[in-house]
């Protein structure tokens, strides 16, 4: 038990620090919440240190197999915390200038990160559900933070109702798996499927409900109904948070459940994921072309990216799983950069929610235009940027595994998807700006955006470093 608690030290540390943030904010009279903000960032840095220090060099199952610490969980926890630090950097000035700066944003954000860390290490279907609900409940409240906005309220209600429905489906699937196998622990479930003469039809039904629940959390089509409205209606700082680290956590539970628990049913879940992937790539890329609101465009872009994320899992090989892990990390880096640019432009009496708000950005500030160009080229899959390699690795694994039709479909929809990204580049570089007012940014914002943009290029120039790290997880 003592070893189990030591393994859980990163999560315990984050929980304690979240309570500290809550108490400090309750007694703070600073309307700019500087102390709350910096303690939040310190909490995440301390959590990263704890992950490094208390994670063993081998896989360890704690609490009777409910919680696992392995290479994948360690990498994903560090990435989740690192992404969250950047998200809070971007969010702070936006919240301050839009008069939405409340301590609740940071407290709920830390609880959401705690839920994501639990999801990364969940090895029992109940701990999977616990992590999902801790994350989801935090996000519901964050979406509704802007109480004076009817769009924010509408988005929160829609997100909550559909999220509750998805959670019910997930629980129903879990109950069916338990009814057939007699266990909720993933290794025991896999053993029961392999060794028992059980009716697999009931397992497949349970698996379908679980996949539907997870697909909703990821925003995969046709379970994407909430995504465009939430992305558009929520404050940009909240949209930024939802679009990044939670996708990494959702990837983690997808791998845990399908690969570690239900791998004997691979033929069945490959077929389901193939359908979801094609629908997501088609709906996401095609509808994104017609969008004028950039947050809504990025929402449909997210749906398409989830489809590409599934491709590595469909390949059914360790290198395919690593390719999907590479993809979700790459996607998170790209999307926080894109929303960081939206936040930057939105600070100066300009709600940069329409694509046309980026007109002539290269004239107003050439450096930020260059960063946005890096981000859009990367999302479009233009070499040598990071986004190209993320698509290359998953499509290559599909071809190696014999899924040629799916690989061709992925390339086809990638070409379609490149249009709406390159459209933003065209507007930035060739259209005349509506205003010639220069864009200024704080040193903190300039530094973080620069690092974010350069990471997209630097990792793209040497992708094998990140890919080898992902391969070590499988």
Protein backbone atom coordinates (compact mmCIF):
# COMPACT_ATOMS: atom_id res chain seq x y z
CA UNK A 1 0.00 0.00 0.00
CA UNK A 2 2.85 2.38 0.80
CA UNK A 3 4.34 1.80 -2.66
CA UNK A 4 0.92 2.37 -4.21
CA UNK A 5 0.63 5.75 -2.49
CA UNK A 6 4.14 6.72 -3.59
CA UNK A 7 3.22 5.92 -7.20
CA UNK A 8 0.20 8.20 -6.76
CA UNK A 9 2.29 11.13 -5.46
CA UNK A 10 1.95 13.31 -8.62
CA UNK A 11 -1.85 13.14 -8.42
CA UNK A 12 -1.85 13.69 -4.64
CA UNK A 13 0.47 16.68 -5.06
CA UNK A 14 -1.77 18.23 -7.71
CA UNK A 15 -4.88 17.67 -5.57
CA UNK A 16 -3.27 19.31 -2.53
CA UNK A 17 -2.01 22.24 -4.61
CA UNK A 18 -5.46 22.70 -6.15
CA UNK A 19 -6.90 23.05 -2.65
CA UNK A 20 -4.14 25.56 -1.85
CA UNK A 21 -5.04 27.59 -4.96
CA UNK A 22 -8.69 27.53 -3.91
CA UNK A 23 -7.90 28.78 -0.40
CA UNK A 24 -5.44 31.44 -1.53
CA UNK A 25 -7.91 32.77 -4.09
CA UNK A 26 -10.72 32.87 -1.52
CA UNK A 27 -8.72 35.24 0.71
CA UNK A 28 -6.99 37.21 -2.05
CA UNK A 29 -8.12 40.79 -2.65
CA UNK A 30 -6.13 41.15 -5.88
CA UNK A 31 -8.65 41.50 -8.72
CA UNK A 32 -5.96 40.48 -11.23
CA UNK A 33 -5.43 37.15 -9.44
CA UNK A 34 -1.64 37.25 -9.89
CA UNK A 35 -0.96 35.09 -6.84
CA UNK A 36 -3.60 32.57 -7.91
CA UNK A 37 -2.15 32.46 -11.42
CA UNK A 38 1.45 31.93 -10.35
CA UNK A 39 0.57 29.29 -7.74
CA UNK A 40 -1.37 27.48 -10.47
CA UNK A 41 1.68 27.47 -12.74
CA UNK A 42 3.89 26.41 -9.83
CA UNK A 43 1.48 23.55 -9.08
CA UNK A 44 1.82 22.19 -12.61
CA UNK A 45 5.62 22.52 -12.57
CA UNK A 46 5.74 20.75 -9.21
CA UNK A 47 3.51 17.99 -10.57
CA UNK A 48 5.87 17.47 -13.51
CA UNK A 49 8.79 17.16 -11.07
CA UNK A 50 6.81 14.60 -9.06
CA UNK A 51 6.09 12.57 -12.19
CA UNK A 52 9.82 12.47 -12.97
CA UNK A 53 10.85 11.66 -9.41
CA UNK A 54 8.25 9.08 -8.37
CA UNK A 55 7.78 7.15 -11.61
CA UNK A 56 9.63 3.80 -11.67
CA UNK A 57 11.61 2.56 -14.66
CA UNK A 58 9.17 -0.33 -15.10
CA UNK A 59 5.41 -0.80 -15.37
CA UNK A 60 3.74 -0.98 -11.98
CA UNK A 61 0.11 -1.83 -11.22
CA UNK A 62 -1.22 -0.19 -8.06
CA UNK A 63 -4.42 -0.55 -6.04
CA UNK A 64 -5.21 -4.09 -7.19
CA UNK A 65 -4.71 -3.27 -10.85
CA UNK A 66 -6.84 -0.11 -10.93
CA UNK A 67 -3.95 2.28 -11.60
CA UNK A 68 -0.86 1.79 -13.76
CA UNK A 69 2.38 3.70 -14.05
CA UNK A 70 4.27 2.94 -17.25
CA UNK A 71 6.19 4.78 -19.95
CA UNK A 72 3.06 5.90 -21.77
CA UNK A 73 1.40 7.33 -18.66
CA UNK A 74 4.59 9.16 -17.63
CA UNK A 75 5.03 10.76 -21.07
CA UNK A 76 1.39 11.75 -21.37
CA UNK A 77 1.22 13.23 -17.86
CA UNK A 78 4.27 15.40 -18.54
CA UNK A 79 2.84 16.52 -21.89
CA UNK A 80 -0.60 17.23 -20.35
CA UNK A 81 0.93 19.38 -17.61
CA UNK A 82 3.25 21.13 -20.07
CA UNK A 83 0.41 21.90 -22.49
CA UNK A 84 -1.71 23.17 -19.57
CA UNK A 85 1.06 25.55 -18.48
CA UNK A 86 1.11 27.09 -21.97
CA UNK A 87 -2.71 27.25 -22.00
CA UNK A 88 -2.74 29.19 -18.72
CA UNK A 89 -0.06 31.53 -20.10
CA UNK A 90 -2.26 32.33 -23.09
CA UNK A 91 -5.44 32.55 -21.05
CA UNK A 92 -4.33 34.91 -18.29
CA UNK A 93 -4.19 38.16 -20.25
CA UNK A 94 -7.33 37.30 -22.22
CA UNK A 95 -9.32 36.69 -19.03
CA UNK A 96 -7.92 39.85 -17.44
CA UNK A 97 -8.84 42.12 -20.35
CA UNK A 98 -12.26 40.54 -20.96
CA UNK A 99 -13.14 40.91 -17.25
CA UNK A 100 -13.63 37.16 -16.89
CA UNK A 101 -10.63 36.63 -14.62
CA UNK A 102 -11.81 34.54 -11.71
CA UNK A 103 -9.98 32.08 -9.51
CA UNK A 104 -12.51 29.43 -10.48
CA UNK A 105 -10.94 29.18 -13.94
CA UNK A 106 -7.62 28.04 -12.48
CA UNK A 107 -9.18 25.77 -9.85
CA UNK A 108 -11.43 24.04 -12.38
CA UNK A 109 -8.50 23.84 -14.80
CA UNK A 110 -6.36 22.06 -12.20
CA UNK A 111 -9.18 19.64 -11.36
CA UNK A 112 -9.50 18.95 -15.09
CA UNK A 113 -5.75 18.25 -15.29
CA UNK A 114 -6.11 15.88 -12.33
CA UNK A 115 -8.87 14.05 -14.20
CA UNK A 116 -6.64 13.80 -17.28
CA UNK A 117 -3.78 12.36 -15.22
CA UNK A 118 -6.11 9.74 -13.76
CA UNK A 119 -7.28 8.88 -17.28
CA UNK A 120 -3.66 8.45 -18.39
CA UNK A 121 -3.03 5.83 -15.69
CA UNK A 122 -6.49 4.24 -15.46
CA UNK A 123 -6.32 0.45 -15.79
CA UNK A 124 -9.76 -0.36 -14.44
CA UNK A 125 -13.03 0.65 -16.05
CA UNK A 126 -14.22 2.40 -12.89
CA UNK A 127 -11.04 4.47 -12.68
CA UNK A 128 -11.51 5.26 -16.39
CA UNK A 129 -14.99 6.55 -15.60
CA UNK A 130 -13.77 8.46 -12.54
CA UNK A 131 -11.15 10.30 -14.60
CA UNK A 132 -13.60 11.08 -17.41
CA UNK A 133 -16.21 12.52 -15.07
CA UNK A 134 -13.71 14.60 -13.10
CA UNK A 135 -12.55 16.10 -16.38
CA UNK A 136 -16.04 16.51 -17.84
CA UNK A 137 -17.64 18.17 -14.81
CA UNK A 138 -14.79 20.68 -14.68
CA UNK A 139 -15.19 21.49 -18.38
CA UNK A 140 -18.97 21.93 -18.11
CA UNK A 141 -18.47 24.62 -15.46
CA UNK A 142 -15.66 26.30 -17.41
CA UNK A 143 -17.78 26.59 -20.55
CA UNK A 144 -20.51 28.37 -18.53
CA UNK A 145 -18.08 30.86 -16.95
CA UNK A 146 -19.26 33.79 -19.07
CA UNK A 147 -22.67 34.07 -17.44
CA UNK A 148 -23.65 37.24 -19.32
CA UNK A 149 -23.26 35.54 -22.68
CA UNK A 150 -26.28 33.64 -23.97
CA UNK A 151 -24.00 31.74 -26.36
CA UNK A 152 -21.82 30.53 -23.51
CA UNK A 153 -24.86 29.40 -21.52
CA UNK A 154 -26.36 27.63 -24.52
CA UNK A 155 -23.05 25.88 -25.24
CA UNK A 156 -22.72 24.76 -21.61
CA UNK A 157 -26.25 23.33 -21.49
CA UNK A 158 -25.80 21.49 -24.78
CA UNK A 159 -22.40 20.18 -23.67
CA UNK A 160 -23.77 19.02 -20.31
CA UNK A 161 -26.88 17.27 -21.69
CA UNK A 162 -25.04 15.47 -24.49
CA UNK A 163 -22.12 14.72 -22.16
CA UNK A 164 -24.47 13.12 -19.63
CA UNK A 165 -25.97 11.00 -22.41
CA UNK A 166 -22.50 9.89 -23.52
CA UNK A 167 -21.54 9.05 -19.93
CA UNK A 168 -24.68 6.94 -19.64
CA UNK A 169 -23.73 5.02 -22.78
CA UNK A 170 -20.22 4.53 -21.44
CA UNK A 171 -21.57 3.18 -18.14
CA UNK A 172 -23.97 0.87 -19.96
CA UNK A 173 -21.11 -0.52 -22.02
CA UNK A 174 -19.01 -1.01 -18.89
CA UNK A 175 -21.89 -2.88 -17.21
CA UNK A 176 -22.21 -5.22 -20.19
CA UNK A 177 -18.47 -5.95 -20.19
CA UNK A 178 -18.62 -6.66 -16.45
CA UNK A 179 -21.68 -8.87 -16.85
CA UNK A 180 -19.90 -11.06 -19.40
CA UNK A 181 -16.34 -11.18 -18.02
CA UNK A 182 -16.98 -10.71 -14.29
CA UNK A 183 -14.23 -8.10 -14.01
CA UNK A 184 -13.56 -4.41 -14.59
CA UNK A 185 -9.76 -4.70 -14.56
CA UNK A 186 -8.42 -4.49 -18.11
CA UNK A 187 -5.93 -7.37 -17.93
CA UNK A 188 -8.57 -9.65 -16.43
CA UNK A 189 -11.03 -8.64 -19.15
CA UNK A 190 -8.51 -9.54 -21.88
CA UNK A 191 -7.77 -12.89 -20.18
CA UNK A 192 -11.48 -13.67 -19.85
CA UNK A 193 -12.08 -12.99 -23.54
CA UNK A 194 -9.12 -15.19 -24.53
CA UNK A 195 -9.69 -18.07 -22.15
CA UNK A 196 -13.44 -18.36 -21.72
CA UNK A 197 -16.07 -19.82 -23.97
CA UNK A 198 -18.29 -16.76 -23.70
CA UNK A 199 -20.76 -15.20 -26.07
CA UNK A 200 -18.71 -12.53 -27.77
CA UNK A 201 -21.80 -10.86 -29.20
CA UNK A 202 -22.51 -9.33 -25.77
CA UNK A 203 -18.91 -8.18 -25.51
CA UNK A 204 -19.19 -6.49 -28.90
CA UNK A 205 -22.38 -4.70 -27.81
CA UNK A 206 -20.66 -3.48 -24.66
CA UNK A 207 -17.60 -2.42 -26.65
CA UNK A 208 -19.78 -0.40 -29.06
CA UNK A 209 -21.33 1.58 -26.21
CA UNK A 210 -17.89 2.26 -24.72
CA UNK A 211 -16.52 3.43 -28.08
CA UNK A 212 -19.53 5.74 -28.51
CA UNK A 213 -18.85 7.28 -25.10
CA UNK A 214 -15.17 7.81 -25.87
CA UNK A 215 -15.91 9.09 -29.39
CA UNK A 216 -18.13 11.77 -27.86
CA UNK A 217 -15.35 12.92 -25.54
CA UNK A 218 -12.96 13.09 -28.51
CA UNK A 219 -15.50 14.83 -30.74
CA UNK A 220 -15.52 12.17 -33.46
CA UNK A 221 -18.29 12.20 -36.07
CA UNK A 222 -21.18 11.44 -35.89
CA UNK A 223 -20.96 12.26 -32.15
CA UNK A 224 -19.61 15.75 -32.73
CA UNK A 225 -22.87 17.72 -32.35
CA UNK A 226 -21.65 19.62 -29.28
CA UNK A 227 -18.23 20.57 -30.59
CA UNK A 228 -18.84 23.53 -32.97
CA UNK A 229 -21.28 25.27 -30.60
CA UNK A 230 -19.03 24.80 -27.56
CA UNK A 231 -15.93 26.02 -29.41
CA UNK A 232 -17.77 29.10 -30.67
CA UNK A 233 -19.86 29.88 -27.58
CA UNK A 234 -17.31 29.35 -24.82
CA UNK A 235 -14.76 32.05 -23.91
CA UNK A 236 -11.69 31.63 -26.12
CA UNK A 237 -9.54 30.73 -23.11
CA UNK A 238 -11.90 27.83 -22.33
CA UNK A 239 -12.05 26.72 -25.97
CA UNK A 240 -8.26 26.72 -25.94
CA UNK A 241 -8.24 24.45 -22.90
CA UNK A 242 -10.89 22.03 -24.23
CA UNK A 243 -9.19 21.69 -27.61
CA UNK A 244 -5.79 20.61 -26.32
CA UNK A 245 -4.87 18.43 -23.34
CA UNK A 246 -8.26 16.64 -22.97
CA UNK A 247 -7.70 15.07 -26.40
CA UNK A 248 -4.45 13.56 -25.11
CA UNK A 249 -6.26 12.08 -22.10
CA UNK A 250 -9.04 10.73 -24.33
CA UNK A 251 -6.38 9.08 -26.51
CA UNK A 252 -4.93 7.46 -23.38
CA UNK A 253 -8.19 5.80 -22.33
CA UNK A 254 -8.86 4.72 -25.92
CA UNK A 255 -5.54 2.86 -25.94
CA UNK A 256 -6.08 1.44 -22.45
CA UNK A 257 -9.56 0.12 -23.17
CA UNK A 258 -9.19 -1.09 -26.76
CA UNK A 259 -5.55 -2.24 -26.78
CA UNK A 260 -4.99 -3.41 -23.21
CA UNK A 261 -8.52 -4.62 -22.44
CA UNK A 262 -10.33 -5.47 -25.67
CA UNK A 263 -7.46 -6.36 -28.00
CA UNK A 264 -8.90 -9.87 -28.63
CA UNK A 265 -11.82 -8.06 -30.31
CA UNK A 266 -9.50 -6.10 -32.62
CA UNK A 267 -11.31 -7.14 -35.81
CA UNK A 268 -14.53 -5.68 -34.45
CA UNK A 269 -13.17 -2.39 -33.13
CA UNK A 270 -11.02 -1.86 -36.22
CA UNK A 271 -14.19 -1.87 -38.31
CA UNK A 272 -15.96 0.57 -35.99
CA UNK A 273 -12.98 2.94 -35.82
CA UNK A 274 -12.60 2.80 -39.61
CA UNK A 275 -16.18 4.01 -40.01
CA UNK A 276 -15.69 6.76 -37.41
CA UNK A 277 -12.40 7.82 -39.03
CA UNK A 278 -13.90 8.18 -42.51
CA UNK A 279 -16.95 10.06 -41.21
CA UNK A 280 -14.78 12.36 -39.09
CA UNK A 281 -12.34 13.17 -41.90
CA UNK A 282 -15.16 13.73 -44.39
CA UNK A 283 -17.52 15.78 -42.22
CA UNK A 284 -14.76 17.74 -40.51
CA UNK A 285 -12.83 18.74 -43.62
CA UNK A 286 -15.80 19.41 -45.91
CA UNK A 287 -17.89 21.49 -43.50
CA UNK A 288 -14.83 23.44 -42.30
CA UNK A 289 -14.47 24.89 -45.81
CA UNK A 290 -17.76 26.79 -45.47
CA UNK A 291 -17.01 28.36 -42.07
CA UNK A 292 -16.40 32.09 -41.63
CA UNK A 293 -15.92 31.94 -37.86
CA UNK A 294 -12.37 30.76 -37.17
CA UNK A 295 -13.27 29.11 -33.84
CA UNK A 296 -16.00 27.14 -35.59
CA UNK A 297 -13.59 26.29 -38.41
CA UNK A 298 -11.09 24.95 -35.88
CA UNK A 299 -13.90 22.93 -34.29
CA UNK A 300 -14.57 21.09 -37.55
CA UNK A 301 -10.82 20.85 -38.04
CA UNK A 302 -10.66 19.07 -34.68
CA UNK A 303 -13.27 16.56 -35.85
CA UNK A 304 -11.11 15.81 -38.90
CA UNK A 305 -7.97 15.47 -36.77
CA UNK A 306 -9.73 12.92 -34.54
CA UNK A 307 -10.33 10.86 -37.68
CA UNK A 308 -6.59 10.89 -38.47
CA UNK A 309 -5.86 10.04 -34.85
CA UNK A 310 -7.90 6.84 -35.20
CA UNK A 311 -5.84 5.71 -38.21
CA UNK A 312 -2.82 4.64 -36.14
CA UNK A 313 -5.06 2.66 -33.79
CA UNK A 314 -6.74 0.96 -36.75
CA UNK A 315 -3.32 -0.24 -37.96
CA UNK A 316 -3.25 -2.43 -34.83
CA UNK A 317 0.54 -2.42 -34.38
CA UNK A 318 2.78 -0.90 -31.68
CA UNK A 319 4.24 1.52 -34.22
CA UNK A 320 0.71 2.45 -35.27
CA UNK A 321 -0.25 3.21 -31.67
CA UNK A 322 2.93 5.28 -31.36
CA UNK A 323 1.96 7.12 -34.55
CA UNK A 324 -1.40 8.04 -33.01
CA UNK A 325 0.35 9.20 -29.85
CA UNK A 326 2.68 11.33 -31.98
CA UNK A 327 -0.37 12.72 -33.76
CA UNK A 328 -2.31 13.74 -30.66
CA UNK A 329 0.74 15.47 -29.13
CA UNK A 330 1.40 17.28 -32.42
CA UNK A 331 -2.23 18.30 -32.74
CA UNK A 332 -2.26 19.75 -29.22
CA UNK A 333 0.83 21.87 -29.91
CA UNK A 334 -0.65 23.18 -33.15
CA UNK A 335 -4.10 23.97 -31.81
CA UNK A 336 -2.91 25.86 -28.72
CA UNK A 337 -0.74 27.98 -31.00
CA UNK A 338 -3.71 28.75 -33.27
CA UNK A 339 -5.92 29.75 -30.35
CA UNK A 340 -3.02 31.70 -28.88
CA UNK A 341 -3.03 33.83 -32.04
CA UNK A 342 -6.80 34.32 -31.77
CA UNK A 343 -6.35 35.47 -28.16
CA UNK A 344 -3.53 37.82 -29.20
CA UNK A 345 -5.64 39.58 -31.85
CA UNK A 346 -8.68 39.60 -29.58
CA UNK A 347 -6.90 41.77 -27.01
CA UNK A 348 -7.07 45.02 -28.94
CA UNK A 349 -10.77 45.79 -29.37
CA UNK A 350 -10.83 43.16 -32.06
CA UNK A 351 -12.70 39.94 -31.51
CA UNK A 352 -10.65 37.79 -33.85
CA UNK A 353 -13.40 35.26 -34.35
CA UNK A 354 -13.88 35.77 -38.07
CA UNK A 355 -11.34 34.52 -40.56
CA UNK A 356 -11.36 37.96 -42.20
CA UNK A 357 -9.99 39.47 -38.98
CA UNK A 358 -6.61 38.06 -40.04
CA UNK A 359 -6.54 40.25 -43.17
CA UNK A 360 -3.12 41.74 -43.83
CA UNK A 361 -1.61 40.39 -40.62
CA UNK A 362 1.79 40.32 -42.33
CA UNK A 363 1.62 44.12 -42.68
CA UNK A 364 0.51 44.73 -39.11
CA UNK A 365 3.04 42.37 -37.50
CA UNK A 366 5.21 40.20 -39.73
CA UNK A 367 6.58 38.07 -36.87
CA UNK A 368 3.17 36.96 -35.64
CA UNK A 369 2.12 36.41 -39.25
CA UNK A 370 5.12 34.08 -39.66
CA UNK A 371 4.13 32.12 -36.55
CA UNK A 372 0.55 31.80 -37.81
CA UNK A 373 1.91 30.67 -41.18
CA UNK A 374 3.93 27.93 -39.43
CA UNK A 375 0.79 26.80 -37.59
CA UNK A 376 -1.47 26.77 -40.65
CA UNK A 377 1.12 25.01 -42.83
CA UNK A 378 1.60 22.42 -40.10
CA UNK A 379 -2.15 21.79 -39.72
CA UNK A 380 -2.46 21.50 -43.50
CA UNK A 381 0.27 18.85 -43.52
CA UNK A 382 2.88 20.83 -45.46
CA UNK A 383 6.46 19.53 -45.06
CA UNK A 384 8.72 19.92 -43.17
CA UNK A 385 6.39 21.06 -40.38
CA UNK A 386 5.24 18.84 -37.53
CA UNK A 387 1.75 18.26 -38.93
CA UNK A 388 3.14 16.64 -42.07
CA UNK A 389 5.02 14.00 -40.09
CA UNK A 390 2.07 13.26 -37.82
CA UNK A 391 -0.04 12.40 -40.88
CA UNK A 392 2.85 10.63 -42.58
CA UNK A 393 3.42 8.23 -39.67
CA UNK A 394 -0.22 7.13 -39.31
CA UNK A 395 -0.81 6.79 -43.06
CA UNK A 396 2.44 4.82 -43.44
CA UNK A 397 1.30 2.40 -40.73
CA UNK A 398 -2.04 1.98 -42.49
CA UNK A 399 -0.28 1.04 -45.73
CA UNK A 400 2.08 -1.36 -43.93
CA UNK A 401 -0.93 -3.04 -42.29
CA UNK A 402 -2.80 -3.43 -45.57
CA UNK A 403 -5.49 -0.75 -45.13
CA UNK A 404 -4.89 0.77 -48.57
CA UNK A 405 -8.39 2.16 -49.14
CA UNK A 406 -8.36 3.93 -45.79
CA UNK A 407 -4.90 5.34 -46.53
CA UNK A 408 -6.07 6.72 -49.88
CA UNK A 409 -9.13 8.25 -48.18
CA UNK A 410 -6.87 9.91 -45.59
CA UNK A 411 -4.68 11.46 -48.31
CA UNK A 412 -7.75 12.60 -50.26
CA UNK A 413 -9.34 14.34 -47.27
CA UNK A 414 -5.97 15.84 -46.31
CA UNK A 415 -5.86 17.56 -49.69
CA UNK A 416 -9.40 18.89 -49.17
CA UNK A 417 -8.50 20.02 -45.65
CA UNK A 418 -5.46 21.95 -46.85
CA UNK A 419 -7.78 24.46 -48.57
CA UNK A 420 -9.21 26.15 -45.49
CA UNK A 421 -5.81 26.38 -43.78
CA UNK A 422 -4.14 27.88 -46.85
CA UNK A 423 -7.08 30.25 -47.20
CA UNK A 424 -6.05 31.85 -43.90
CA UNK A 425 -2.46 32.15 -45.18
CA UNK A 426 -3.75 33.88 -48.32
CA UNK A 427 -5.85 36.31 -46.27
CA UNK A 428 -2.92 37.10 -43.97
CA UNK A 429 -0.39 37.67 -46.73
CA UNK A 430 -2.30 39.06 -49.72
CA UNK A 431 -5.44 40.85 -48.47
CA UNK A 432 -5.40 44.45 -47.31
CA UNK A 433 -5.96 44.91 -43.58
CA UNK A 434 -9.07 46.72 -42.33
CA UNK A 435 -6.88 48.65 -39.90
CA UNK A 436 -3.20 49.55 -39.92
CA UNK A 437 -2.92 49.67 -36.15
CA UNK A 438 0.17 47.73 -35.09
CA UNK A 439 -0.27 44.66 -32.93
CA UNK A 440 1.56 44.83 -29.64
CA UNK A 441 1.99 42.03 -27.15
CA UNK A 442 3.46 41.62 -23.71
CA UNK A 443 6.90 40.05 -23.51
CA UNK A 444 5.34 36.95 -21.93
CA UNK A 445 2.83 36.51 -24.76
CA UNK A 446 5.45 37.16 -27.44
CA UNK A 447 7.88 34.66 -25.89
CA UNK A 448 5.37 31.84 -25.43
CA UNK A 449 3.91 32.26 -28.93
CA UNK A 450 7.40 32.29 -30.42
CA UNK A 451 8.40 29.12 -28.57
CA UNK A 452 5.13 27.47 -29.60
CA UNK A 453 5.62 28.35 -33.27
CA UNK A 454 9.28 27.37 -33.37
CA UNK A 455 8.52 24.01 -31.72
CA UNK A 456 6.27 23.21 -34.69
CA UNK A 457 9.21 23.80 -37.04
CA UNK A 458 12.03 22.35 -34.91
CA UNK A 459 10.26 19.07 -34.09
CA UNK A 460 9.23 18.87 -37.74
CA UNK A 461 12.88 19.10 -38.80
CA UNK A 462 13.77 16.24 -36.44
CA UNK A 463 10.59 14.18 -35.94
CA UNK A 464 12.34 10.94 -35.02
CA UNK A 465 13.19 12.24 -31.56
CA UNK A 466 9.52 12.55 -30.59
CA UNK A 467 8.58 9.43 -32.54
CA UNK A 468 11.19 7.32 -30.72
CA UNK A 469 9.82 8.63 -27.43
CA UNK A 470 6.33 7.55 -28.48
CA UNK A 471 7.62 4.14 -29.62
CA UNK A 472 9.15 3.58 -26.18
CA UNK A 473 5.62 3.70 -24.74
CA UNK A 474 4.59 0.58 -26.65
